[in-house]
Amino acid sequence: MRRGHPREADIPCNLRSLLKVRRGRLEWVQVMRSNDLILGLPHNFVQFTMLQELMASWLGVKMGTYIHFSDSLHVYERNVPDLRGARTRRLPPNRDTWRLDYRRTIRAFAELGDRMDGLRQPGIKEKEVLRLSTSPRLPPEATNNIYEMTPEERMAEGIDSLPNSLFEALDVMERSELVADVLGEHVFDYFLRNKRLEWADYKSYVTPFEVSRYLGTL
């Protein structure tokens, strides 16, 4: 690295995201160091407004305004002909939505990640490209009170139940690649091992309720 020069040629352009909830709406102000009018700006609009829509859904508020500041909005000389030759097109309204609850968001992102991995496979067939490029099919949002639904009704709607005990929670955690990647192999194994010891101690403990209820029957 030469003195006075950046370590990398590609320096991050995103400086700061400022989020506020005002009058029940999530307002988003995005501050950029630099923006390429052709190669960056259109993608940034989609990326940050998608995050705004997701977070508004998680917070249970409506979408507010999106304000985008760029300190250096520019076009490279090699791209000027593309800009001059561009034509204005009228596009149909975008009906896609990312107003998902947190759990459905994680499931959607996991599926999108799997699809992206599949698209990078060498020698992939056109039919497979079309399959992986279609929008992921998410289960419809639940409109009923899930606490009043029977297990069979929840299963029919594709709604999983939360673990009922530490033992069941550890079983779910052990199958989670996401948690394993976040914690790392050492911490992941250590946590599971110690929580299983904690569950074993809990199962061997006789509570005062059990003593008062069952001791007299012996």
Protein backbone atom coordinates (compact mmCIF):
# COMPACT_ATOMS: atom_id res chain seq x y z
CA MET A 1 0.00 0.00 0.00
CA ARG A 2 1.40 3.40 -1.00
CA ARG A 3 1.53 6.13 1.62
CA GLY A 4 -1.49 8.40 1.44
CA HIS A 5 -3.51 5.98 -0.71
CA PRO A 6 -6.54 3.93 0.40
CA ARG A 7 -6.09 0.26 1.25
CA GLU A 8 -8.79 -0.73 -1.23
CA ALA A 9 -9.95 0.77 -4.50
CA ASP A 10 -13.60 0.20 -3.60
CA ILE A 11 -14.34 2.43 -0.59
CA PRO A 12 -17.79 2.06 1.06
CA CYS A 13 -20.19 4.79 -0.02
CA ASN A 14 -22.77 4.35 2.74
CA LEU A 15 -21.97 6.62 5.68
CA ARG A 16 -25.01 6.74 7.91
CA SER A 17 -28.65 5.70 8.19
CA LEU A 18 -30.83 7.92 10.40
CA LEU A 19 -34.13 6.35 11.46
CA LYS A 20 -36.95 7.96 13.40
CA VAL A 21 -40.55 7.02 14.16
CA ARG A 22 -42.78 10.08 13.81
CA ARG A 23 -46.60 10.00 13.97
CA GLY A 24 -46.65 6.24 13.55
CA ARG A 25 -44.38 6.22 10.49
CA LEU A 26 -40.76 5.15 10.05
CA GLU A 27 -38.77 8.01 8.52
CA TRP A 28 -35.42 7.16 6.88
CA VAL A 29 -32.57 9.55 6.02
CA GLN A 30 -29.65 7.99 4.15
CA VAL A 31 -26.29 9.81 3.94
CA MET A 32 -23.88 8.72 1.22
CA ARG A 33 -20.25 9.63 0.69
CA SER A 34 -20.55 9.12 -3.05
CA ASN A 35 -23.05 7.83 -5.59
CA ASP A 36 -22.70 6.71 -9.19
CA LEU A 37 -25.83 7.88 -10.98
CA ILE A 38 -26.01 4.72 -13.14
CA LEU A 39 -24.23 1.95 -11.24
CA GLY A 40 -25.12 2.85 -7.66
CA LEU A 41 -28.04 5.20 -7.06
CA PRO A 42 -30.89 3.07 -8.50
CA HIS A 43 -29.74 0.03 -6.52
CA ASN A 44 -29.37 2.06 -3.32
CA PHE A 45 -32.96 3.30 -3.60
CA VAL A 46 -34.20 -0.29 -3.77
CA GLN A 47 -31.89 -1.58 -1.02
CA PHE A 48 -32.60 1.06 1.61
CA THR A 49 -36.34 1.40 1.00
CA MET A 50 -36.59 -2.39 1.22
CA LEU A 51 -34.86 -2.24 4.63
CA GLN A 52 -37.18 0.60 5.61
CA GLU A 53 -40.21 -1.50 4.68
CA LEU A 54 -38.90 -4.49 6.64
CA MET A 55 -38.15 -2.49 9.78
CA ALA A 56 -41.47 -0.65 9.63
CA SER A 57 -43.21 -4.02 9.58
CA TRP A 58 -41.16 -5.31 12.53
CA LEU A 59 -41.98 -2.17 14.52
CA GLY A 60 -45.65 -2.27 13.58
CA VAL A 61 -45.66 1.21 12.01
CA LYS A 62 -46.34 2.58 8.53
CA MET A 63 -43.79 3.58 5.90
CA GLY A 64 -42.68 7.20 6.10
CA THR A 65 -40.57 9.29 3.76
CA TYR A 66 -37.17 8.29 2.40
CA ILE A 67 -34.58 11.08 2.01
CA HIS A 68 -31.29 10.38 0.22
CA PHE A 69 -28.24 12.67 0.55
CA SER A 70 -25.17 12.14 -1.64
CA ASP A 71 -22.04 14.27 -1.18
CA SER A 72 -20.75 13.32 -4.64
CA LEU A 73 -23.37 12.32 -7.21
CA HIS A 74 -21.44 11.59 -10.38
CA VAL A 75 -21.21 9.74 -13.70
CA TYR A 76 -17.95 8.31 -15.03
CA GLU A 77 -16.95 9.50 -18.48
CA ARG A 78 -17.08 5.98 -19.87
CA ASN A 79 -20.79 5.77 -18.90
CA VAL A 80 -21.87 9.15 -20.35
CA PRO A 81 -22.93 7.60 -23.71
CA ASP A 82 -25.18 5.16 -21.87
CA LEU A 83 -26.80 8.03 -19.99
CA ARG A 84 -27.34 10.10 -23.13
CA GLY A 85 -28.86 7.15 -24.96
CA ALA A 86 -31.24 6.26 -22.14
CA ARG A 87 -34.96 6.56 -22.81
CA THR A 88 -37.68 7.38 -20.33
CA ARG A 89 -39.98 4.41 -19.77
CA ARG A 90 -43.28 4.17 -17.96
CA LEU A 91 -43.18 1.16 -15.66
CA PRO A 92 -46.18 -0.47 -14.00
CA PRO A 93 -46.55 0.09 -10.23
CA ASN A 94 -44.51 -2.26 -8.09
CA ARG A 95 -46.86 -4.54 -6.16
CA ASP A 96 -44.11 -6.43 -4.32
CA THR A 97 -44.03 -6.04 -0.55
CA TRP A 98 -41.53 -6.83 2.17
CA ARG A 99 -43.91 -6.12 5.02
CA LEU A 100 -43.14 -9.38 6.79
CA ASP A 101 -42.83 -10.19 10.46
CA TYR A 102 -39.36 -11.00 11.75
CA ARG A 103 -39.62 -14.80 11.55
CA ARG A 104 -40.97 -14.76 7.99
CA THR A 105 -38.21 -12.31 7.01
CA ILE A 106 -35.51 -14.67 8.27
CA ARG A 107 -37.10 -17.55 6.36
CA ALA A 108 -37.32 -15.48 3.18
CA PHE A 109 -33.69 -14.34 3.43
CA ALA A 110 -32.52 -17.90 4.06
CA GLU A 111 -34.34 -19.08 0.92
CA LEU A 112 -32.96 -16.19 -1.11
CA GLY A 113 -29.44 -17.07 0.06
CA ASP A 114 -29.93 -20.68 -1.01
CA ARG A 115 -31.19 -19.53 -4.41
CA MET A 116 -28.19 -17.24 -4.92
CA ASP A 117 -25.84 -20.11 -4.06
CA GLY A 118 -27.65 -22.29 -6.60
CA LEU A 119 -27.37 -19.64 -9.33
CA ARG A 120 -23.59 -19.56 -8.90
CA GLN A 121 -23.18 -23.26 -9.65
CA PRO A 122 -21.09 -23.91 -12.81
CA GLY A 123 -22.92 -25.43 -15.74
CA ILE A 124 -26.37 -24.57 -14.40
CA LYS A 125 -29.20 -25.28 -16.86
CA GLU A 126 -31.57 -22.56 -18.13
CA LYS A 127 -34.57 -24.31 -16.60
CA GLU A 128 -32.90 -24.29 -13.19
CA VAL A 129 -32.01 -20.60 -13.59
CA LEU A 130 -35.69 -19.78 -14.19
CA ARG A 131 -36.77 -21.82 -11.16
CA LEU A 132 -34.26 -20.17 -8.84
CA SER A 133 -35.02 -16.69 -10.20
CA THR A 134 -38.73 -16.75 -9.39
CA SER A 135 -39.93 -15.06 -6.22
CA PRO A 136 -39.88 -17.28 -3.14
CA ARG A 137 -43.29 -18.53 -2.13
CA LEU A 138 -43.96 -17.39 1.41
CA PRO A 139 -46.87 -18.61 3.50
CA PRO A 140 -49.69 -16.05 3.74
CA GLU A 141 -49.68 -13.78 6.78
CA ALA A 142 -51.74 -15.14 9.66
CA THR A 143 -54.88 -13.08 10.29
CA ASN A 144 -56.38 -15.21 13.08
CA ASN A 145 -55.34 -15.21 16.73
CA ILE A 146 -52.80 -18.04 16.69
CA TYR A 147 -53.19 -18.57 20.47
CA GLU A 148 -56.82 -19.55 19.91
CA MET A 149 -55.97 -21.99 17.08
CA THR A 150 -55.53 -25.71 17.65
CA PRO A 151 -52.17 -27.35 16.84
CA GLU A 152 -53.78 -28.91 13.76
CA GLU A 153 -55.05 -25.51 12.53
CA ARG A 154 -51.64 -23.92 13.02
CA MET A 155 -49.97 -26.78 11.17
CA ALA A 156 -52.41 -26.37 8.27
CA GLU A 157 -51.47 -22.66 8.06
CA GLY A 158 -47.75 -23.47 8.13
CA ILE A 159 -47.27 -21.86 11.56
CA ASP A 160 -44.66 -23.55 13.74
CA SER A 161 -45.01 -23.64 17.51
CA LEU A 162 -42.31 -22.27 19.77
CA PRO A 163 -40.40 -24.74 21.97
CA ASN A 164 -42.24 -25.65 25.18
CA SER A 165 -39.13 -26.36 27.23
CA LEU A 166 -35.39 -25.79 27.37
CA PHE A 167 -34.92 -29.34 26.06
CA GLU A 168 -37.00 -28.61 22.93
CA ALA A 169 -35.30 -25.21 22.45
CA LEU A 170 -31.85 -26.82 22.51
CA ASP A 171 -32.99 -29.39 19.97
CA VAL A 172 -34.10 -26.57 17.62
CA MET A 173 -30.90 -24.61 18.23
CA GLU A 174 -28.69 -27.61 17.45
CA ARG A 175 -30.25 -27.84 13.96
CA SER A 176 -29.81 -24.12 13.25
CA GLU A 177 -26.95 -23.36 10.86
CA LEU A 178 -27.56 -19.63 11.41
CA VAL A 179 -26.89 -19.79 15.17
CA ALA A 180 -23.85 -22.02 14.61
CA ASP A 181 -22.39 -19.54 12.11
CA VAL A 182 -23.06 -16.54 14.36
CA LEU A 183 -21.66 -18.05 17.56
CA GLY A 184 -18.83 -20.04 16.02
CA GLU A 185 -18.20 -23.74 16.55
CA HIS A 186 -16.49 -23.42 19.97
CA VAL A 187 -19.11 -21.18 21.60
CA PHE A 188 -21.96 -23.07 19.93
CA ASP A 189 -20.83 -26.46 21.34
CA TYR A 190 -20.00 -24.95 24.74
CA PHE A 191 -23.45 -23.35 25.06
CA LEU A 192 -25.31 -26.52 24.07
CA ARG A 193 -23.27 -28.67 26.42
CA ASN A 194 -23.79 -26.41 29.44
CA LYS A 195 -27.48 -25.86 28.81
CA ARG A 196 -28.02 -29.61 28.57
CA LEU A 197 -26.33 -29.99 31.98
CA GLU A 198 -28.65 -27.25 33.27
CA TRP A 199 -31.68 -29.17 31.92
CA ALA A 200 -30.49 -32.36 33.56
CA ASP A 201 -30.17 -30.57 36.93
CA TYR A 202 -33.62 -29.09 36.51
CA LYS A 203 -35.20 -32.48 35.72
CA SER A 204 -33.66 -34.03 38.84
CA TYR A 205 -34.93 -31.24 41.13
CA VAL A 206 -38.04 -31.99 43.18
CA THR A 207 -40.18 -28.87 43.53
CA PRO A 208 -42.21 -27.96 46.65
CA PHE A 209 -45.36 -28.45 44.55
CA GLU A 210 -44.39 -32.05 43.81
CA VAL A 211 -43.57 -32.69 47.46
CA SER A 212 -46.91 -31.38 48.69
CA ARG A 213 -48.90 -33.12 45.94
CA TYR A 214 -47.30 -36.55 45.77
CA LEU A 215 -45.43 -37.24 49.03
CA GLY A 216 -48.61 -37.93 50.96
CA THR A 217 -49.65 -40.65 48.51
CA LEU A 218 -46.52 -42.73 49.08
